[in-house]
Amino acid sequence: MADSTSTKTETDPCDDGWLGYFERSPAVFSVFRVGAEGSTHPLLLPEYRIECNDGAGPREICRFTVEPEAIPEWFGAWRNDEWCPWILENAHRLIADPENT
């Protein structure tokens, strides 16, 4: 049986759209481009997801596009959390300069 524990070093950027991670203790946030490169419609903006691992395993906390008018979709307890602006700022930094390039 595969180990269900995931760490930031187990992710293969070439396989799943991983762009990088950032931390704010005790949480590690990973940013992914949704869908394989080139698999989305050319007129649609790419979609991104943020996962958080705070010791209970990684889970999706947000989905968004880079469209200026788009409103990020936050999940669960992350809706209206005070960290949300900081998380999005760091996610946009990784989108502009991915760690896997």
N, C-alpha and C. Protein backbone atom coordinates (compact mmCIF):
# COMPACT_ATOMS: atom_id res chain seq x y z
N MET A 1 0.84 -1.17 0.00
CA MET A 1 0.00 0.00 0.00
C MET A 1 0.88 1.24 0.00
N ALA A 2 0.54 2.20 -0.84
CA ALA A 2 1.34 3.41 -0.95
C ALA A 2 1.17 4.27 0.29
N ASP A 3 2.22 5.00 0.64
CA ASP A 3 2.18 5.91 1.77
C ASP A 3 1.28 7.08 1.40
N SER A 4 0.28 7.37 2.22
CA SER A 4 -0.66 8.46 1.92
C SER A 4 -0.14 9.80 2.39
N THR A 5 1.00 9.82 3.06
CA THR A 5 1.58 11.07 3.51
C THR A 5 2.32 11.72 2.35
N SER A 6 2.04 12.98 2.11
CA SER A 6 2.68 13.69 1.01
C SER A 6 3.54 14.82 1.56
N THR A 7 4.71 14.99 0.97
CA THR A 7 5.55 16.11 1.33
C THR A 7 5.88 16.89 0.08
N LYS A 8 6.39 18.09 0.27
CA LYS A 8 6.69 18.94 -0.87
C LYS A 8 7.75 18.35 -1.80
N THR A 9 8.56 17.42 -1.33
CA THR A 9 9.60 16.84 -2.17
C THR A 9 9.12 15.64 -2.97
N GLU A 10 7.91 15.11 -2.68
CA GLU A 10 7.41 13.94 -3.39
C GLU A 10 6.72 14.30 -4.70
N THR A 11 6.46 15.55 -4.95
CA THR A 11 5.70 15.97 -6.12
C THR A 11 6.63 16.11 -7.32
N ASP A 12 6.20 15.54 -8.45
CA ASP A 12 6.96 15.66 -9.69
C ASP A 12 6.33 16.77 -10.52
N PRO A 13 6.99 17.92 -10.65
CA PRO A 13 6.43 19.05 -11.38
C PRO A 13 6.04 18.73 -12.82
N CYS A 14 6.71 17.80 -13.43
CA CYS A 14 6.42 17.47 -14.83
C CYS A 14 5.10 16.73 -14.98
N ASP A 15 4.60 16.12 -13.92
CA ASP A 15 3.41 15.28 -14.01
C ASP A 15 2.11 15.96 -13.61
N ASP A 16 2.13 16.92 -12.71
CA ASP A 16 0.86 17.39 -12.15
C ASP A 16 0.68 18.90 -12.12
N GLY A 17 1.47 19.66 -12.81
CA GLY A 17 1.29 21.11 -12.86
C GLY A 17 1.83 21.86 -11.66
N TRP A 18 2.63 21.19 -10.83
CA TRP A 18 3.17 21.82 -9.64
C TRP A 18 4.05 23.00 -10.02
N LEU A 19 3.82 24.15 -9.38
CA LEU A 19 4.60 25.35 -9.65
C LEU A 19 5.56 25.70 -8.52
N GLY A 20 5.29 25.20 -7.34
CA GLY A 20 6.16 25.49 -6.21
C GLY A 20 5.37 25.54 -4.91
N TYR A 21 6.05 25.94 -3.85
CA TYR A 21 5.42 25.99 -2.54
C TYR A 21 5.96 27.18 -1.75
N PHE A 22 5.25 27.51 -0.69
CA PHE A 22 5.68 28.51 0.28
C PHE A 22 5.13 28.08 1.64
N GLU A 23 5.69 28.63 2.70
CA GLU A 23 5.34 28.18 4.05
C GLU A 23 4.96 29.35 4.94
N ARG A 24 4.09 29.06 5.86
CA ARG A 24 3.77 29.94 6.99
C ARG A 24 3.42 28.99 8.12
N SER A 25 4.32 28.87 9.06
CA SER A 25 4.21 27.85 10.09
C SER A 25 2.83 27.87 10.75
N PRO A 26 2.20 26.72 10.84
CA PRO A 26 2.69 25.36 10.61
C PRO A 26 2.33 24.82 9.23
N ALA A 27 1.87 25.66 8.32
CA ALA A 27 1.31 25.18 7.05
C ALA A 27 2.30 25.32 5.89
N VAL A 28 2.18 24.38 4.94
CA VAL A 28 2.91 24.43 3.68
C VAL A 28 1.86 24.52 2.58
N PHE A 29 1.99 25.51 1.70
CA PHE A 29 1.05 25.75 0.61
C PHE A 29 1.72 25.40 -0.70
N SER A 30 1.05 24.60 -1.54
CA SER A 30 1.55 24.23 -2.86
C SER A 30 0.62 24.79 -3.91
N VAL A 31 1.20 25.27 -5.02
CA VAL A 31 0.42 25.86 -6.10
C VAL A 31 0.56 24.99 -7.33
N PHE A 32 -0.58 24.71 -7.99
CA PHE A 32 -0.63 23.85 -9.17
C PHE A 32 -1.41 24.53 -10.28
N ARG A 33 -0.96 24.34 -11.50
CA ARG A 33 -1.76 24.72 -12.66
C ARG A 33 -2.67 23.53 -12.94
N VAL A 34 -3.96 23.78 -13.07
CA VAL A 34 -4.94 22.72 -13.26
C VAL A 34 -4.95 22.31 -14.73
N GLY A 35 -4.88 21.01 -14.99
CA GLY A 35 -4.87 20.50 -16.35
C GLY A 35 -3.46 20.49 -16.92
N ALA A 36 -3.22 19.55 -17.79
CA ALA A 36 -1.90 19.44 -18.42
C ALA A 36 -1.66 20.63 -19.34
N GLU A 37 -0.42 20.98 -19.49
CA GLU A 37 -0.02 22.08 -20.37
C GLU A 37 -0.59 21.88 -21.77
N GLY A 38 -1.30 22.88 -22.28
CA GLY A 38 -1.84 22.80 -23.63
C GLY A 38 -3.16 22.05 -23.74
N SER A 39 -3.70 21.54 -22.63
CA SER A 39 -4.93 20.75 -22.71
C SER A 39 -6.18 21.60 -22.57
N THR A 40 -6.04 22.86 -22.18
CA THR A 40 -7.20 23.74 -22.05
C THR A 40 -7.43 24.48 -23.35
N HIS A 41 -8.63 25.02 -23.50
CA HIS A 41 -8.98 25.80 -24.68
C HIS A 41 -8.07 27.02 -24.77
N PRO A 42 -7.56 27.37 -25.95
CA PRO A 42 -6.60 28.46 -26.08
C PRO A 42 -7.16 29.83 -25.70
N LEU A 43 -8.48 30.01 -25.70
CA LEU A 43 -9.06 31.30 -25.34
C LEU A 43 -9.40 31.41 -23.85
N LEU A 44 -9.25 30.32 -23.12
CA LEU A 44 -9.52 30.33 -21.69
C LEU A 44 -8.24 30.56 -20.90
N LEU A 45 -8.36 31.33 -19.84
CA LEU A 45 -7.21 31.52 -18.96
C LEU A 45 -6.97 30.25 -18.16
N PRO A 46 -5.72 29.96 -17.84
CA PRO A 46 -5.45 28.76 -17.04
C PRO A 46 -6.06 28.91 -15.64
N GLU A 47 -6.38 27.78 -15.06
CA GLU A 47 -6.92 27.74 -13.71
C GLU A 47 -5.84 27.20 -12.78
N TYR A 48 -5.83 27.66 -11.55
CA TYR A 48 -4.84 27.26 -10.57
C TYR A 48 -5.52 26.78 -9.31
N ARG A 49 -4.84 25.90 -8.56
CA ARG A 49 -5.35 25.46 -7.27
C ARG A 49 -4.23 25.59 -6.25
N ILE A 50 -4.65 25.83 -5.03
CA ILE A 50 -3.72 25.90 -3.91
C ILE A 50 -4.09 24.78 -2.95
N GLU A 51 -3.09 24.02 -2.54
CA GLU A 51 -3.27 22.99 -1.54
C GLU A 51 -2.54 23.41 -0.28
N CYS A 52 -3.07 23.00 0.86
CA CYS A 52 -2.46 23.29 2.15
C CYS A 52 -2.22 21.98 2.89
N ASN A 53 -1.04 21.85 3.48
CA ASN A 53 -0.76 20.72 4.36
C ASN A 53 -0.30 21.32 5.69
N ASP A 54 -1.17 21.20 6.69
CA ASP A 54 -0.86 21.72 8.02
C ASP A 54 -0.62 20.59 9.01
N GLY A 55 -0.24 19.43 8.49
CA GLY A 55 0.04 18.28 9.31
C GLY A 55 -1.04 17.21 9.21
N ALA A 56 -2.18 17.55 8.63
CA ALA A 56 -3.28 16.60 8.48
C ALA A 56 -3.34 16.04 7.07
N GLY A 57 -2.34 16.30 6.26
CA GLY A 57 -2.33 15.87 4.86
C GLY A 57 -2.76 16.99 3.95
N PRO A 58 -2.31 16.96 2.69
CA PRO A 58 -2.64 18.04 1.75
C PRO A 58 -4.11 18.02 1.36
N ARG A 59 -4.68 19.22 1.23
CA ARG A 59 -6.06 19.35 0.76
C ARG A 59 -6.20 20.66 0.00
N GLU A 60 -7.08 20.65 -0.98
CA GLU A 60 -7.31 21.85 -1.79
C GLU A 60 -8.04 22.89 -0.95
N ILE A 61 -7.53 24.13 -0.99
CA ILE A 61 -8.17 25.20 -0.24
C ILE A 61 -8.68 26.33 -1.12
N CYS A 62 -8.21 26.40 -2.39
CA CYS A 62 -8.61 27.51 -3.26
C CYS A 62 -8.42 27.14 -4.72
N ARG A 63 -9.31 27.68 -5.57
CA ARG A 63 -9.15 27.64 -7.04
C ARG A 63 -9.36 29.05 -7.56
N PHE A 64 -8.56 29.41 -8.58
CA PHE A 64 -8.67 30.76 -9.13
C PHE A 64 -8.06 30.83 -10.52
N THR A 65 -8.36 31.91 -11.23
CA THR A 65 -7.68 32.25 -12.47
C THR A 65 -6.99 33.58 -12.26
N VAL A 66 -6.18 33.99 -13.21
CA VAL A 66 -5.47 35.26 -13.08
C VAL A 66 -6.25 36.42 -13.70
N GLU A 67 -7.47 36.16 -14.12
CA GLU A 67 -8.32 37.22 -14.67
C GLU A 67 -8.58 38.26 -13.58
N PRO A 68 -8.39 39.55 -13.87
CA PRO A 68 -8.52 40.58 -12.84
C PRO A 68 -9.87 40.61 -12.12
N GLU A 69 -10.96 40.35 -12.83
CA GLU A 69 -12.28 40.40 -12.21
C GLU A 69 -12.69 39.09 -11.54
N ALA A 70 -11.93 38.05 -11.73
CA ALA A 70 -12.28 36.74 -11.16
C ALA A 70 -12.14 36.76 -9.65
N ILE A 71 -13.06 36.10 -8.99
CA ILE A 71 -13.04 35.98 -7.54
C ILE A 71 -12.57 34.57 -7.18
N PRO A 72 -11.51 34.46 -6.39
CA PRO A 72 -11.03 33.13 -6.00
C PRO A 72 -12.11 32.37 -5.23
N GLU A 73 -12.16 31.06 -5.42
CA GLU A 73 -13.09 30.21 -4.70
C GLU A 73 -12.33 29.52 -3.57
N TRP A 74 -12.64 29.91 -2.34
CA TRP A 74 -12.01 29.33 -1.16
C TRP A 74 -12.91 28.24 -0.61
N PHE A 75 -12.31 27.22 -0.01
CA PHE A 75 -13.05 26.08 0.49
C PHE A 75 -12.94 25.96 2.00
N GLY A 76 -14.02 25.48 2.62
CA GLY A 76 -14.03 25.19 4.04
C GLY A 76 -13.71 26.38 4.91
N ALA A 77 -12.92 26.13 5.94
CA ALA A 77 -12.57 27.16 6.91
C ALA A 77 -11.73 28.29 6.32
N TRP A 78 -11.24 28.11 5.10
CA TRP A 78 -10.41 29.14 4.47
C TRP A 78 -11.23 30.30 3.93
N ARG A 79 -12.53 30.15 3.80
CA ARG A 79 -13.37 31.27 3.34
C ARG A 79 -13.23 32.43 4.31
N ASN A 80 -12.80 33.57 3.79
CA ASN A 80 -12.64 34.81 4.57
C ASN A 80 -11.57 34.73 5.66
N ASP A 81 -10.64 33.79 5.54
CA ASP A 81 -9.56 33.70 6.51
C ASP A 81 -8.61 34.89 6.33
N GLU A 82 -8.03 35.36 7.41
CA GLU A 82 -7.14 36.52 7.34
C GLU A 82 -5.87 36.25 6.54
N TRP A 83 -5.50 34.96 6.34
CA TRP A 83 -4.31 34.63 5.55
C TRP A 83 -4.58 34.67 4.05
N CYS A 84 -5.84 34.70 3.60
CA CYS A 84 -6.16 34.58 2.18
C CYS A 84 -5.40 35.56 1.28
N PRO A 85 -5.38 36.87 1.59
CA PRO A 85 -4.62 37.78 0.71
C PRO A 85 -3.14 37.42 0.63
N TRP A 86 -2.54 37.03 1.75
CA TRP A 86 -1.13 36.64 1.76
C TRP A 86 -0.90 35.39 0.93
N ILE A 87 -1.80 34.41 1.05
CA ILE A 87 -1.70 33.17 0.29
C ILE A 87 -1.78 33.46 -1.21
N LEU A 88 -2.76 34.27 -1.64
CA LEU A 88 -2.89 34.61 -3.06
C LEU A 88 -1.69 35.38 -3.58
N GLU A 89 -1.16 36.28 -2.79
CA GLU A 89 0.03 37.04 -3.20
C GLU A 89 1.19 36.10 -3.49
N ASN A 90 1.40 35.14 -2.62
CA ASN A 90 2.48 34.18 -2.82
C ASN A 90 2.20 33.23 -3.97
N ALA A 91 0.95 32.85 -4.17
CA ALA A 91 0.59 31.99 -5.30
C ALA A 91 0.86 32.71 -6.62
N HIS A 92 0.50 33.99 -6.71
CA HIS A 92 0.76 34.75 -7.93
C HIS A 92 2.26 34.91 -8.18
N ARG A 93 3.05 35.01 -7.13
CA ARG A 93 4.51 35.06 -7.27
C ARG A 93 5.03 33.78 -7.90
N LEU A 94 4.50 32.64 -7.47
CA LEU A 94 4.93 31.35 -8.05
C LEU A 94 4.45 31.18 -9.50
N ILE A 95 3.29 31.71 -9.80
CA ILE A 95 2.79 31.62 -11.18
C ILE A 95 3.70 32.43 -12.10
N ALA A 96 4.13 33.59 -11.65
CA ALA A 96 5.00 34.45 -12.45
C ALA A 96 6.42 33.88 -12.57
N ASP A 97 6.87 33.14 -11.56
CA ASP A 97 8.23 32.60 -11.55
C ASP A 97 8.22 31.22 -10.90
N PRO A 98 7.75 30.20 -11.63
CA PRO A 98 7.65 28.85 -11.04
C PRO A 98 8.99 28.30 -10.61
N GLU A 99 8.95 27.49 -9.57
CA GLU A 99 10.17 26.85 -9.06
C GLU A 99 10.65 25.71 -9.93
N ASN A 100 9.79 25.19 -10.81
CA ASN A 100 10.16 24.01 -11.59
C ASN A 100 10.69 24.34 -12.98
N THR A 101 11.08 25.60 -13.21
CA THR A 101 11.62 25.95 -14.52
C THR A 101 13.13 25.96 -14.49
